[in-house]
Protein backbone atom coordinates (compact mmCIF):
# COMPACT_ATOMS: atom_id res chain seq x y z
CA MET A 1 0.07 0.06 0.02
CA ASP A 2 1.40 3.48 -0.78
CA PHE A 3 2.23 6.15 1.94
CA ILE A 4 -0.23 8.70 0.75
CA GLU A 5 -2.90 5.48 0.55
CA GLN A 6 -2.45 4.66 4.14
CA MET A 7 -2.39 8.39 5.73
CA PRO A 8 -6.29 7.75 6.92
CA LEU A 9 -4.83 5.04 9.34
CA LEU A 10 -2.23 7.92 11.02
CA GLY A 11 -4.44 10.10 12.95
CA ALA A 12 -6.06 7.20 15.29
CA ALA A 13 -2.86 5.29 15.89
CA MET A 14 -1.49 8.62 17.29
CA THR A 15 -3.22 8.01 20.63
CA ALA A 16 -2.25 4.70 20.62
CA THR A 17 1.45 6.03 19.39
CA ARG A 18 1.63 7.96 22.80
CA ALA A 19 -0.03 5.32 24.83
CA TRP A 20 3.27 2.77 23.66
CA THR A 21 5.77 5.44 24.23
CA PHE A 22 4.90 6.29 27.26
CA LEU A 23 5.28 2.63 28.52
CA PHE A 24 8.54 1.75 26.75
CA VAL A 25 9.91 5.03 28.45
CA THR A 26 8.40 3.98 31.84
CA ILE A 27 10.08 0.30 31.57
CA THR A 28 13.38 1.66 30.21
CA PHE A 29 13.62 4.11 32.82
CA MET A 30 12.54 2.01 35.65
CA VAL A 31 14.99 -0.52 34.39
CA TYR A 32 18.01 2.39 34.64
CA LEU A 33 16.71 3.19 37.69
CA TYR A 34 17.36 0.14 39.46
CA ILE A 35 20.70 -0.76 38.29
CA GLY A 36 21.74 2.86 39.68
CA TRP A 37 20.16 1.62 43.12
CA ARG A 38 21.44 -1.75 42.69
CA SER A 39 24.83 -0.54 41.62
CA ARG A 40 25.62 1.92 44.22
CA VAL A 41 29.29 2.74 45.41
CA LYS A 42 30.91 3.24 48.40
CA GLU A 43 34.83 3.61 46.84
CA SER A 44 36.11 5.92 44.78
CA GLY A 45 37.55 3.27 42.41
CA GLU A 46 34.33 1.63 41.59
CA PHE A 47 33.36 5.21 41.02
CA TYR A 48 35.38 6.36 38.57
CA VAL A 49 36.35 2.93 36.47
CA ALA A 50 33.70 0.31 38.01
CA GLY A 51 36.58 -1.99 40.53
CA GLN A 52 37.73 -2.85 37.34
CA GLY A 53 35.70 -5.86 37.11
CA ILE A 54 33.57 -5.06 33.52
CA PRO A 55 33.61 -8.09 31.41
CA ALA A 56 35.11 -7.38 27.76
CA ILE A 57 31.90 -7.89 26.24
CA ALA A 58 29.79 -6.30 28.47
CA ASN A 59 32.16 -3.23 28.44
CA GLY A 60 31.83 -3.47 24.11
CA ALA A 61 28.25 -2.96 24.24
CA ALA A 62 28.50 -0.15 27.25
CA THR A 63 31.14 1.56 25.14
CA ALA A 64 28.93 1.06 21.98
CA ALA A 65 26.23 2.91 23.81
CA ASP A 66 28.25 5.71 25.15
CA TRP A 67 29.72 5.76 21.64
CA MET A 68 26.33 5.85 19.75
CA SER A 69 25.49 9.18 21.15
CA ALA A 70 21.91 11.55 19.85
CA ALA A 71 24.08 12.77 17.08
CA SER A 72 24.68 8.95 16.01
CA PHE A 73 21.41 7.95 16.25
CA ILE A 74 18.91 10.40 16.20
CA SER A 75 21.57 13.10 13.71
CA MET A 76 23.28 11.74 11.46
CA ALA A 77 20.91 9.90 9.24
CA GLY A 78 19.44 13.07 9.14
CA LEU A 79 22.85 14.95 8.07
CA ILE A 80 23.66 12.40 5.66
CA SER A 81 19.77 12.40 4.04
CA GLY A 82 20.32 16.34 3.89
CA LEU A 83 23.52 16.75 2.66
CA GLY A 84 23.54 13.29 0.27
CA SER A 85 27.01 12.19 -0.37
CA ASP A 86 28.65 14.68 1.48
CA GLY A 87 26.93 13.55 4.65
CA SER A 88 28.93 10.37 4.85
CA VAL A 89 31.97 12.95 6.34
CA PHE A 90 30.55 11.95 9.18
CA LEU A 91 29.99 8.50 9.01
CA LEU A 92 33.54 8.09 7.93
CA GLY A 93 35.07 10.33 10.36
CA TRP A 94 33.26 8.94 13.06
CA THR A 95 33.65 4.98 12.44
CA GLY A 96 37.15 5.44 11.27
CA GLY A 97 38.21 7.33 14.72
CA TYR A 98 37.31 4.70 16.66
CA VAL A 99 39.46 1.93 14.79
CA LEU A 100 42.20 4.76 15.33
CA LEU A 101 40.94 4.72 18.95
CA ALA A 102 41.05 1.01 19.57
CA MET A 103 44.01 -0.07 17.25
CA LEU A 104 46.42 2.98 17.96
CA LEU A 105 46.08 4.25 21.64
CA ALA A 106 43.09 2.36 23.99
CA PRO A 107 45.94 -0.39 24.65
CA TYR A 108 48.76 1.95 25.45
CA LEU A 109 46.45 4.51 27.48
CA ARG A 110 45.20 0.82 29.71
CA LYS A 111 48.10 0.33 30.63
CA PHE A 112 49.37 3.59 31.95
CA GLY A 113 46.87 2.54 34.33
CA GLN A 114 45.43 5.89 35.02
CA TYR A 115 41.74 6.82 35.63
CA THR A 116 40.97 9.75 34.00
CA VAL A 117 42.64 11.77 31.04
CA PRO A 118 44.18 14.28 32.77
CA ASP A 119 45.70 11.67 35.19
CA PHE A 120 47.33 10.68 32.40
CA VAL A 121 48.45 13.42 31.25
CA ALA A 122 50.09 14.50 34.76
CA LYS A 123 51.68 10.84 35.12
CA ARG A 124 52.74 11.35 31.61
CA TYR A 125 54.47 14.50 31.45
CA TYR A 126 55.20 15.20 35.04
CA SER A 127 53.52 18.10 35.18
CA GLU A 128 50.40 19.18 37.17
CA THR A 129 50.08 22.36 35.10
CA ALA A 130 49.74 19.79 32.61
CA ARG A 131 46.42 18.57 34.61
CA ILE A 132 44.72 21.64 35.58
CA VAL A 133 45.41 22.58 31.17
CA ALA A 134 43.49 18.64 30.85
CA ALA A 135 41.47 19.34 33.66
CA VAL A 136 40.26 21.97 32.01
CA CYS A 137 39.67 20.98 28.30
CA ALA A 138 37.98 17.70 29.44
CA VAL A 139 35.50 19.59 31.16
CA PHE A 140 34.71 22.23 27.79
CA VAL A 141 34.72 19.58 25.56
CA SER A 142 31.98 17.91 27.58
CA ILE A 143 29.97 20.45 28.35
CA THR A 144 30.15 21.39 24.09
CA TYR A 145 29.55 16.98 23.97
CA VAL A 146 26.46 17.06 26.34
CA ALA A 147 24.85 19.98 24.92
CA GLY A 148 23.49 17.53 21.94
CA GLN A 149 22.55 14.75 24.46
CA MET A 150 20.13 17.05 25.99
CA ARG A 151 18.81 18.47 23.08
CA GLY A 152 17.74 15.29 21.95
CA VAL A 153 16.19 14.08 24.90
CA GLY A 154 13.79 17.60 24.91
CA ILE A 155 13.16 16.35 21.00
CA VAL A 156 12.31 13.15 21.83
CA PHE A 157 10.14 14.49 24.84
CA ALA A 158 8.24 17.45 23.04
CA ARG A 159 6.81 15.23 20.39
CA PHE A 160 5.96 11.93 21.89
CA LEU A 161 5.08 12.42 25.31
CA GLU A 162 4.12 15.62 23.91
CA VAL A 163 5.18 18.02 26.78
CA GLU A 164 6.95 20.88 27.10
CA THR A 165 10.66 20.65 26.05
CA TRP A 166 11.88 21.48 29.12
CA GLN A 167 10.00 19.34 30.97
CA GLY A 168 11.35 16.40 29.40
CA VAL A 169 14.66 17.51 29.96
CA VAL A 170 14.48 17.75 33.23
CA LEU A 171 12.97 13.92 33.51
CA GLY A 172 15.89 12.98 31.53
CA MET A 173 17.75 14.88 34.02
CA ILE A 174 16.73 13.15 36.74
CA ILE A 175 17.05 9.77 35.74
CA VAL A 176 20.72 10.11 34.74
CA GLY A 177 21.11 11.50 38.05
CA VAL A 178 20.08 8.38 40.19
CA PHE A 179 21.85 6.18 37.86
CA ALA A 180 24.92 8.07 37.93
CA VAL A 181 25.32 9.76 41.28
CA LEU A 182 24.26 6.46 42.64
CA GLY A 183 26.42 4.27 40.48
CA GLY A 184 29.24 6.55 39.10
CA MET A 185 30.85 4.75 36.22
CA LYS A 186 29.53 1.17 37.72
CA GLY A 187 25.96 2.03 37.24
CA ILE A 188 26.86 4.04 34.34
CA THR A 189 28.38 1.10 32.92
CA TRP A 190 25.55 -1.73 33.80
CA THR A 191 22.81 0.67 32.49
CA GLN A 192 24.68 1.44 29.50
CA VAL A 193 24.51 -2.31 28.59
CA VAL A 194 20.86 -2.48 28.57
CA GLN A 195 20.82 0.89 26.48
CA PHE A 196 22.94 -0.53 24.01
CA PHE A 197 20.30 -3.34 23.23
CA VAL A 198 17.48 -1.03 23.50
CA LEU A 199 18.90 1.73 20.79
CA ILE A 200 20.00 -0.79 18.87
CA ALA A 201 16.97 -2.44 18.21
CA ALA A 202 14.95 1.10 17.91
CA PHE A 203 17.27 2.35 14.84
CA LEU A 204 17.57 -1.61 13.34
CA ILE A 205 13.42 -2.47 12.78
CA PRO A 206 12.32 0.66 11.36
CA THR A 207 15.03 0.29 8.65
CA PHE A 208 14.47 -3.32 7.93
CA ALA A 209 10.84 -2.85 7.74
CA LEU A 210 11.65 0.01 5.37
CA SER A 211 13.85 -1.73 3.41
CA GLY A 212 11.02 -4.67 2.95
CA MET A 213 8.64 -1.79 1.49
CA LEU A 214 10.91 0.01 -0.36
CA THR A 215 13.26 -2.70 -1.99
CA ASP A 216 13.33 -6.47 -2.91
CA SER A 217 15.28 -7.30 0.81
CA SER A 218 14.21 -6.71 3.90
CA ILE A 219 17.63 -6.19 5.04
CA PRO A 220 18.62 -3.00 4.34
CA GLN A 221 22.23 -3.44 3.17
CA ILE A 222 21.03 -5.34 0.74
CA GLY A 223 18.19 -4.09 -0.36
CA PHE A 224 20.44 -0.73 -1.04
CA THR A 225 23.02 -2.50 -2.99
CA THR A 226 20.67 -4.33 -5.52
CA GLY A 227 17.48 -2.29 -5.46
CA ASP A 228 17.20 0.86 -7.34
CA ILE A 229 15.74 3.07 -4.73
CA ALA A 230 19.40 5.03 -5.28
CA GLU A 231 18.50 5.79 -8.69
CA LYS A 232 14.39 7.32 -7.78
CA VAL A 233 16.13 9.23 -5.43
CA ASN A 234 18.62 11.17 -7.61
CA LEU A 235 15.78 11.54 -10.40
CA ILE A 236 13.70 13.59 -7.93
CA GLN A 237 16.56 15.83 -6.71
CA GLU A 238 17.49 16.72 -10.03
CA ASP A 239 13.60 17.10 -11.20
CA LEU A 240 13.79 19.80 -7.92
CA GLY A 241 16.91 21.05 -9.17
CA PHE A 242 19.15 19.59 -6.54
CA SER A 243 22.69 17.61 -8.06
CA SER A 244 22.15 13.95 -7.35
CA TYR A 245 22.22 12.99 -4.04
CA THR A 246 24.92 10.27 -4.95
CA GLN A 247 27.04 12.81 -6.38
CA PRO A 248 29.88 13.78 -4.17
CA PHE A 249 31.30 17.48 -3.13
CA THR A 250 28.12 19.57 -3.94
CA ASN A 251 27.01 20.62 -0.43
CA TYR A 252 31.03 20.47 1.25
CA ASP A 253 33.97 21.07 -1.16
CA MET A 254 36.60 18.56 -1.30
CA ALA A 255 38.91 19.76 1.15
CA ASN A 256 36.59 20.24 3.73
CA VAL A 257 35.52 16.89 3.63
CA PHE A 258 38.70 16.08 3.98
CA LEU A 259 39.19 18.80 6.98
CA ILE A 260 35.82 17.39 8.93
CA MET A 261 36.72 13.59 8.32
CA PHE A 262 40.21 14.04 9.86
CA ALA A 263 39.08 16.07 12.98
CA LEU A 264 36.19 13.82 13.65
CA MET A 265 38.82 10.55 13.64
CA ALA A 266 41.36 12.42 15.97
CA GLY A 267 38.70 13.42 18.24
CA THR A 268 37.15 10.38 18.30
CA ALA A 269 40.40 9.35 19.82
CA GLY A 270 40.99 11.87 22.08
CA LEU A 271 37.29 12.10 23.50
CA PRO A 272 37.74 11.66 27.21
CA HIS A 273 34.20 9.63 28.13
CA VAL A 274 35.67 7.14 25.59
CA ILE A 275 38.82 6.53 26.49
CA VAL A 276 37.71 6.10 30.24
CA ARG A 277 36.01 2.95 29.08
CA PHE A 278 39.24 1.21 28.34
CA TYR A 279 39.99 1.76 32.26
CA THR A 280 36.89 -0.31 33.17
CA VAL A 281 38.30 -3.93 32.20
CA ALA A 282 41.10 -5.97 34.25
CA ASN A 283 44.12 -5.56 31.65
CA VAL A 284 45.62 -5.04 27.82
CA ARG A 285 43.89 -8.20 26.69
CA ALA A 286 40.13 -7.13 27.83
CA ALA A 287 40.87 -3.72 26.54
CA ARG A 288 41.87 -4.91 23.34
CA TYR A 289 38.85 -7.71 23.07
CA SER A 290 36.37 -4.47 24.96
CA ALA A 291 37.58 -2.15 21.65
CA PHE A 292 36.54 -5.39 18.85
CA TRP A 293 32.91 -5.96 20.48
CA ALA A 294 32.48 -2.42 20.59
CA LEU A 295 33.14 -1.72 16.87
CA LEU A 296 31.07 -4.57 15.99
CA PHE A 297 28.25 -3.47 18.04
CA ILE A 298 28.82 -0.17 16.17
CA CYS A 299 28.93 -1.21 12.71
CA LEU A 300 25.58 -2.96 13.32
CA LEU A 301 24.48 0.96 13.20
CA TYR A 302 26.76 2.38 11.02
CA THR A 303 25.95 0.23 8.17
CA SER A 304 22.38 1.02 8.25
CA ALA A 305 22.72 4.67 9.09
CA PRO A 306 22.86 5.51 5.35
CA VAL A 307 19.96 3.46 3.92
CA LEU A 308 17.71 4.59 6.82
CA ALA A 309 18.65 8.12 4.98
CA MET A 310 17.87 7.68 1.98
CA PHE A 311 14.71 6.03 2.44
CA ALA A 312 13.92 9.06 4.71
CA ARG A 313 15.21 11.17 2.13
CA TYR A 314 13.16 9.33 -0.77
CA SER A 315 10.32 9.42 1.48
CA ILE A 316 9.95 12.96 2.30
CA LEU A 317 10.23 13.72 -1.39
CA HIS A 318 7.49 11.35 -3.01
CA THR A 319 5.10 12.34 0.17
CA LEU A 320 5.54 16.19 0.29
CA GLU A 321 6.75 17.63 -3.20
CA GLY A 322 2.90 19.04 -4.48
CA ALA A 323 0.93 18.26 -1.84
CA HIS A 324 -2.21 21.12 -0.65
CA ILE A 325 -1.93 23.33 1.83
CA GLY A 326 -4.78 24.77 3.89
CA GLU A 327 -5.39 27.67 6.03
CA VAL A 328 -3.80 27.81 9.75
CA VAL A 329 -5.03 25.79 12.41
CA LYS A 330 -5.00 27.03 15.87
CA THR A 331 -5.18 24.57 18.46
CA ASP A 332 -6.39 24.26 22.22
CA ASP A 333 -3.07 24.94 23.78
CA ASP A 334 -2.62 28.00 21.04
CA THR A 335 -0.24 26.10 18.97
CA GLU A 336 -0.44 27.10 15.50
CA TYR A 337 0.38 24.90 12.57
CA ILE A 338 -0.71 24.73 8.36
CA PRO A 339 -2.22 20.98 8.02
CA VAL A 340 -0.86 19.81 4.59
CA TYR A 341 -3.04 17.30 2.76
CA ARG A 342 -2.74 15.39 -0.94
CA ILE A 343 -6.05 14.17 -2.97
CA ASN A 344 -6.31 10.45 -3.40
CA ASP A 345 -8.13 9.14 -6.77
CA GLU A 346 -11.37 9.52 -5.21
CA GLY A 347 -11.09 13.28 -4.84
CA LYS A 348 -10.78 13.30 -1.11
CA GLU A 349 -8.82 15.09 0.94
CA VAL A 350 -5.84 12.36 3.29
CA PRO A 351 -4.05 14.43 5.42
CA ILE A 352 -0.19 14.23 6.05
CA GLN A 353 -0.65 13.81 10.05
CA TRP A 354 2.91 13.44 10.91
CA VAL A 355 3.71 17.11 9.03
CA ASP A 356 0.86 18.36 11.17
CA THR A 357 1.58 16.82 14.20
CA TRP A 358 5.92 18.16 14.14
CA GLN A 359 4.94 21.35 12.79
CA LYS A 360 3.41 21.85 16.41
CA THR A 361 6.91 21.09 18.23
CA GLY A 362 8.18 23.87 15.96
CA LEU A 363 10.78 21.45 14.26
CA ILE A 364 8.94 21.53 10.89
CA THR A 365 7.64 25.25 9.45
CA ILE A 366 5.80 25.71 6.25
CA ASP A 367 5.43 28.84 4.31
CA ASP A 368 3.35 29.02 1.01
CA LYS A 369 5.58 31.64 -0.53
CA ASN A 370 4.27 31.73 -4.09
CA LYS A 371 0.43 31.39 -2.51
CA ASP A 372 -0.25 28.52 -4.75
CA GLY A 373 -2.02 26.53 -1.95
CA LEU A 374 0.69 23.49 -3.35
CA LEU A 375 3.96 22.69 -1.13
CA SER A 376 7.30 22.95 -2.94
CA LEU A 377 10.22 21.33 -2.20
CA LYS A 378 12.40 23.01 -5.55
CA ASN A 379 15.56 24.25 -4.73
CA VAL A 380 16.13 27.42 -3.33
CA ASP A 381 20.00 27.77 -2.13
CA GLY A 382 20.80 24.16 -1.14
CA ASN A 383 17.31 24.37 0.52
CA PHE A 384 13.56 23.35 -0.05
CA ALA A 385 11.24 26.08 -1.34
CA GLU A 386 8.60 26.04 1.08
CA VAL A 387 9.13 23.44 4.18
CA THR A 388 12.08 23.45 7.00
CA ILE A 389 12.14 20.32 8.56
CA ASP A 390 15.04 20.14 11.46
CA LYS A 391 17.96 17.55 10.42
CA ASP A 392 17.36 16.25 13.73
CA ILE A 393 13.86 15.02 13.78
CA LEU A 394 14.33 12.40 10.18
CA VAL A 395 14.77 9.30 12.30
CA LEU A 396 12.38 10.17 14.87
CA ALA A 397 9.64 10.93 12.09
CA THR A 398 10.70 8.24 9.52
CA PRO A 399 8.36 5.31 10.53
CA GLU A 400 5.63 7.91 10.89
CA ILE A 401 6.75 8.77 7.61
CA ALA A 402 6.25 4.91 6.32
CA GLN A 403 3.38 4.47 8.06
CA LEU A 404 4.74 1.68 10.60
CA SER A 405 3.13 0.61 13.69
CA PRO A 406 2.40 2.79 16.39
CA TRP A 407 4.44 0.61 19.33
CA VAL A 408 7.63 0.76 16.47
CA ILE A 409 7.05 4.74 16.64
CA ALA A 410 7.47 4.39 19.96
CA ILE A 411 10.54 1.96 20.55
CA VAL A 412 12.71 4.57 18.00
CA ALA A 413 11.52 7.45 20.74
CA THR A 414 12.66 5.12 23.71
CA GLY A 415 15.91 4.23 21.55
CA GLY A 416 16.92 8.34 20.52
CA LEU A 417 16.08 8.85 24.21
CA ALA A 418 18.69 5.95 25.75
CA ALA A 419 21.18 7.04 22.67
CA ALA A 420 21.29 10.56 24.50
CA LEU A 421 20.87 9.92 28.15
CA SER A 422 23.60 6.75 27.69
CA THR A 423 26.31 9.33 26.64
CA ALA A 424 25.38 12.20 28.35
CA ALA A 425 25.60 10.29 32.01
CA GLY A 426 29.83 9.34 30.39
CA LEU A 427 30.60 13.28 29.68
CA LEU A 428 28.85 13.65 33.32
CA LEU A 429 31.06 11.29 34.86
CA VAL A 430 34.48 13.20 32.64
CA ILE A 431 33.49 16.40 34.11
CA SER A 432 32.38 15.24 37.61
CA SER A 433 35.65 13.43 37.31
CA SER A 434 37.86 16.13 36.35
CA MET A 435 36.45 18.95 38.94
CA ALA A 436 36.43 16.38 42.06
CA HIS A 437 39.24 13.55 41.34
CA ASP A 438 41.36 16.16 38.87
CA LEU A 439 41.16 18.93 40.39
CA TYR A 440 39.46 19.82 44.05
CA VAL A 441 40.69 16.66 45.96
CA HIS A 442 43.91 16.21 44.19
CA PHE A 443 44.97 20.32 45.07
CA PHE A 444 42.19 21.18 48.38
CA GLU A 445 41.78 17.88 49.67
CA PRO A 446 44.17 15.22 48.63
CA ASN A 447 43.95 13.19 52.28
CA ALA A 448 40.66 13.03 52.10
CA SER A 449 38.62 10.04 53.26
CA GLU A 450 36.94 7.86 50.97
CA PRO A 451 33.36 8.67 51.63
CA ARG A 452 34.27 12.73 51.72
CA ARG A 453 35.88 11.75 47.93
CA LEU A 454 32.33 9.87 46.81
CA PHE A 455 30.49 12.59 48.36
CA ILE A 456 32.86 15.52 46.44
CA ALA A 457 32.34 13.40 43.10
CA ARG A 458 28.22 13.07 43.63
CA ILE A 459 28.46 16.74 44.29
CA MET A 460 30.15 17.47 40.88
CA ILE A 461 27.95 15.35 38.79
CA ILE A 462 24.81 16.77 40.24
CA GLY A 463 26.41 20.19 39.29
CA ALA A 464 27.12 18.61 35.91
CA ILE A 465 23.70 17.21 35.14
CA LEU A 466 22.45 21.16 36.17
CA VAL A 467 24.67 22.69 33.45
CA ALA A 468 23.79 19.89 30.58
CA GLY A 469 19.54 20.38 31.64
CA TYR A 470 20.07 24.24 30.67
CA PHE A 471 21.46 23.49 27.52
CA GLY A 472 18.80 21.27 26.83
CA ILE A 473 16.62 23.94 27.57
CA ALA A 474 18.70 26.59 25.44
CA PRO A 475 20.67 24.70 22.77
CA PRO A 476 23.22 26.58 20.61
CA GLY A 477 22.82 24.64 17.49
CA PHE A 478 21.06 21.38 15.72
CA ILE A 479 23.22 18.10 17.37
CA GLY A 480 24.91 17.00 14.99
CA GLU A 481 26.90 20.61 14.49
CA VAL A 482 27.34 20.43 18.05
CA VAL A 483 29.07 17.11 18.63
CA ALA A 484 30.91 17.50 15.62
CA PHE A 485 32.31 21.03 17.56
CA ALA A 486 32.76 18.79 20.76
CA PHE A 487 34.70 16.43 18.45
CA GLY A 488 37.17 19.25 16.60
CA LEU A 489 37.83 20.66 20.53
CA ALA A 490 39.25 17.13 21.44
CA ALA A 491 40.98 17.04 18.14
CA ALA A 492 42.94 19.81 18.97
CA SER A 493 43.84 19.85 22.60
CA PHE A 494 43.78 16.11 23.45
CA PHE A 495 44.88 13.98 19.95
CA PRO A 496 48.06 15.02 20.07
CA ILE A 497 49.33 14.90 23.42
CA ILE A 498 48.35 11.20 24.08
CA PHE A 499 49.75 10.05 20.13
CA LEU A 500 52.87 11.64 21.32
CA GLY A 501 52.76 10.84 24.84
CA ILE A 502 52.98 7.00 23.93
CA PHE A 503 55.00 7.19 20.95
CA ASP A 504 57.75 10.25 21.03
CA LYS A 505 59.35 9.77 24.46
CA ARG A 506 60.85 13.21 23.89
CA MET A 507 57.55 14.83 24.55
CA ASN A 508 58.12 17.13 27.88
CA ARG A 509 55.66 18.96 30.11
CA GLU A 510 56.44 22.01 28.33
CA GLY A 511 55.64 21.01 24.67
CA ALA A 512 52.36 19.23 25.79
CA THR A 513 51.28 22.29 28.00
CA THR A 514 51.57 24.84 25.23
CA GLY A 515 50.02 22.83 22.73
CA MET A 516 46.86 21.71 24.19
CA ILE A 517 46.60 25.49 25.42
CA VAL A 518 47.23 26.38 21.43
CA GLY A 519 45.43 24.04 20.07
CA ILE A 520 42.09 24.44 21.91
CA LEU A 521 42.45 28.04 21.99
CA PHE A 522 42.56 28.61 18.26
CA THR A 523 39.78 26.17 17.37
CA ALA A 524 37.08 27.67 20.12
CA ILE A 525 38.17 30.74 19.45
CA TYR A 526 37.21 30.03 15.38
CA ILE A 527 34.09 28.54 16.42
CA ILE A 528 32.49 30.86 18.38
CA LEU A 529 33.19 33.65 15.85
CA CYS A 530 32.13 31.91 13.54
CA ARG A 531 28.83 30.76 15.07
CA SER A 532 28.40 33.76 17.56
CA ASP A 533 24.88 34.50 16.48
CA ARG A 534 24.02 31.00 17.76
CA VAL A 535 26.63 30.81 20.63
CA LEU A 536 26.50 34.60 21.77
CA GLY A 537 23.32 35.50 20.52
CA PHE A 538 24.23 37.81 18.43
CA ASP A 539 22.42 38.96 15.05
CA GLU A 540 25.22 37.93 12.67
CA PRO A 541 28.53 35.82 13.22
CA LEU A 542 31.63 37.98 14.53
CA MET A 543 33.59 36.14 11.58
CA THR A 544 33.07 34.69 7.84
CA PRO A 545 34.89 31.52 7.41
CA TRP A 546 38.14 31.77 6.20
CA PHE A 547 39.69 31.36 2.93
CA GLN A 548 36.41 31.75 1.30
CA GLY A 549 36.83 32.24 -2.71
CA SER A 550 40.08 30.43 -2.40
CA TYR A 551 41.38 27.89 -4.92
CA LEU A 552 41.29 25.34 -2.16
CA ILE A 553 38.32 25.92 0.39
CA PRO A 554 36.10 27.74 -2.29
CA ASN A 555 33.21 27.91 0.41
CA GLY A 556 35.87 28.79 3.50
CA LEU A 557 36.64 26.73 6.63
CA ARG A 558 33.57 24.96 7.98
CA PRO A 559 33.86 25.26 11.81
CA GLU A 560 33.38 21.51 11.99
CA GLY A 561 36.49 21.17 10.61
CA VAL A 562 39.00 23.62 12.24
CA GLY A 563 39.30 20.90 14.78
CA ALA A 564 42.09 19.83 12.29
CA ILE A 565 43.75 22.68 12.36
CA GLY A 566 43.83 22.95 15.84
CA LEU A 567 45.37 19.68 16.08
CA ALA A 568 48.09 20.62 13.43
CA LEU A 569 48.74 23.42 15.60
CA ASN A 570 49.52 21.82 18.59
CA PHE A 571 51.49 19.14 17.06
CA ILE A 572 53.89 21.76 15.84
CA VAL A 573 53.32 23.53 18.74
CA ALA A 574 54.37 20.53 20.90
CA PHE A 575 56.62 19.37 19.18
CA THR A 576 59.12 22.53 18.80
CA ILE A 577 58.94 23.36 21.69
CA SER A 578 59.51 20.14 23.28
CA ARG A 579 62.49 20.02 21.04
CA LEU A 580 64.13 23.17 22.42
CA THR A 581 63.73 22.54 26.24
CA ALA A 582 65.41 19.93 28.55
CA ALA A 583 64.05 16.31 28.24
CA PRO A 584 61.82 14.83 30.36
CA PRO A 585 63.45 12.76 32.91
CA GLU A 586 64.54 9.41 32.53
CA ASP A 587 62.09 7.54 34.44
CA VAL A 588 59.68 8.98 32.05
CA GLN A 589 61.15 8.01 29.38
CA ASP A 590 61.72 4.49 30.77
CA LEU A 591 57.70 4.67 31.37
CA VAL A 592 56.64 5.19 27.94
CA GLU A 593 59.21 2.51 26.52
CA SER A 594 57.84 0.11 29.04
CA VAL A 595 54.27 1.04 28.19
CA ARG A 596 54.84 -0.31 24.53
CA ILE A 597 55.57 -3.36 25.09
CA PRO A 598 52.29 -5.72 24.58
CA ARG A 599 51.95 -7.82 27.58
CA GLY A 600 50.77 -6.60 30.83
CA SER A 601 49.12 -3.82 32.92
CA HIS A 602 49.73 -2.37 36.52
CA ALA A 603 46.51 -1.36 38.38
CA PRO A 604 45.14 2.44 38.55
CA GLU A 605 46.34 4.73 40.62
CA ALA A 606 43.55 6.06 42.54
CA HIS A 607 45.61 9.14 43.41
CA PHE A 608 48.22 10.97 41.82
CA ASP A 609 52.01 9.78 43.40
CA GLU A 610 53.81 13.31 43.98
CA THR A 611 56.81 11.15 43.91
CA ASP A 612 56.07 10.48 40.30
CA ALA A 613 56.12 14.24 39.40
CA GLU A 614 58.86 16.82 39.43
CA ALA A 615 58.26 20.70 40.05
CA ASP A 616 57.03 22.00 37.30
CA ASN A 617 59.57 24.52 37.53
CA PRO A 618 62.59 22.44 35.93
């Protein structure tokens, strides 16, 4: 049955969808709360690294859930759908980056045996100043990243439970607060294991269903490669004045594609909340196996995302182009929307209910600019002429567009929440550990008792939750964009010093500290100035992207890719200064050499040993 012929069924399904969503969300949230209560901890070792007692396969599932954030679940398919072939830069960057982390860095970081990335930096670079800089960078990166996650929570609640966005964000804050505050990394890890299975089922079920409807195979990867869906989308795109969907470099020029992909890859390998997952297993061997399982689990979603993106693009183009536009309707709660409908073969109006529903959230807008009563999706400056669709709703809306069962729509909403909350929890723990363990306890109460350390860690995580909630209510951009900025910041700050800390024993504290500062400041300032209209509330950006009109980067250096330039500056500054200043102490160089030997590991040190570091002044 055609999508359009099925549309009368959608209105009756709306109440059922809300009921199913409420049921699934309630059940999963109760499970998360139960796990948090059962996993409550009494020692800082369990709070920060789960007591190193997580099995490799469970840690792989938790890492996958931590990694597949709202950006992966909600936003990535929307980005690919909107950008076509160029959108694959996010798929390649994030996937390639995890391979880079798993194969190049993770086993060595585990062998260093620290609790946090700032711990590693302080140990490797024998410097408390380097610890402070790393902790500040970790907080900055994590706050930027968590902003996207809380926006995802707000979008799901606003649409599917029909509550105010801020109410949904507050509810999400309470849930993640319980299992993160009580259980720390232990509670977060076992909750993420459950969240992985929720989110992967929520992503794959509609993808398999759509593949069966639009191709000759229910297996999306097979239907995508053997069917003619790509040709259909390309033809419709070209008829509307867009470039072919599968044609590369139509939205991003080649240089920006390379820079964004490299920034995402390096940023992935430098993300503190992903790195810390490799400290939760017993040894280096378990770290390698958990990396394998995580990559396998991630591939289940990442090989399906481009397929779902194309299905969604086809469904929208097929459904909305040429649809009729009605008069403005005002609901009982003063929400306004413009009804959209088609005329069936019998001459009857068939409402396109999903468009009306999403309009009420403000994430779809209709504007009949030529007043002809027909919706036009023709290309105007790279966008649809008379409809604006937020990129973040595509995965959530696609089951409704395809007229799938209400329970499928509900499980997608539940999966979106699982993806956002799982990553938010990991990020909140990084913020907490950076503020409590790396800064406050280390510098102000180094002799604090275990109960005192846990109390401070929990206070810090509550503070981090409040900050995350603010960004969920007042987000600085759409999910994928905000998360891409976080990856750029991680690439420019952490990746070079971690890579050089492992593979260059001559790298010293002066080079590492200066490199971090230069990399993150350059990247952050460029992003803020180019996005000051969103971040700072200005009417226009304070700066246009560099190199616009140049031969190599005709569209200018996009903020999403500037992390690659920040990374290069970090490398250059760190390497140069390290060669102009004193070499690290012999014991540090010996430590670097020993870490490269691929066997054994030592237990993590709960607190930095002052005897392992020299004073900052040489």
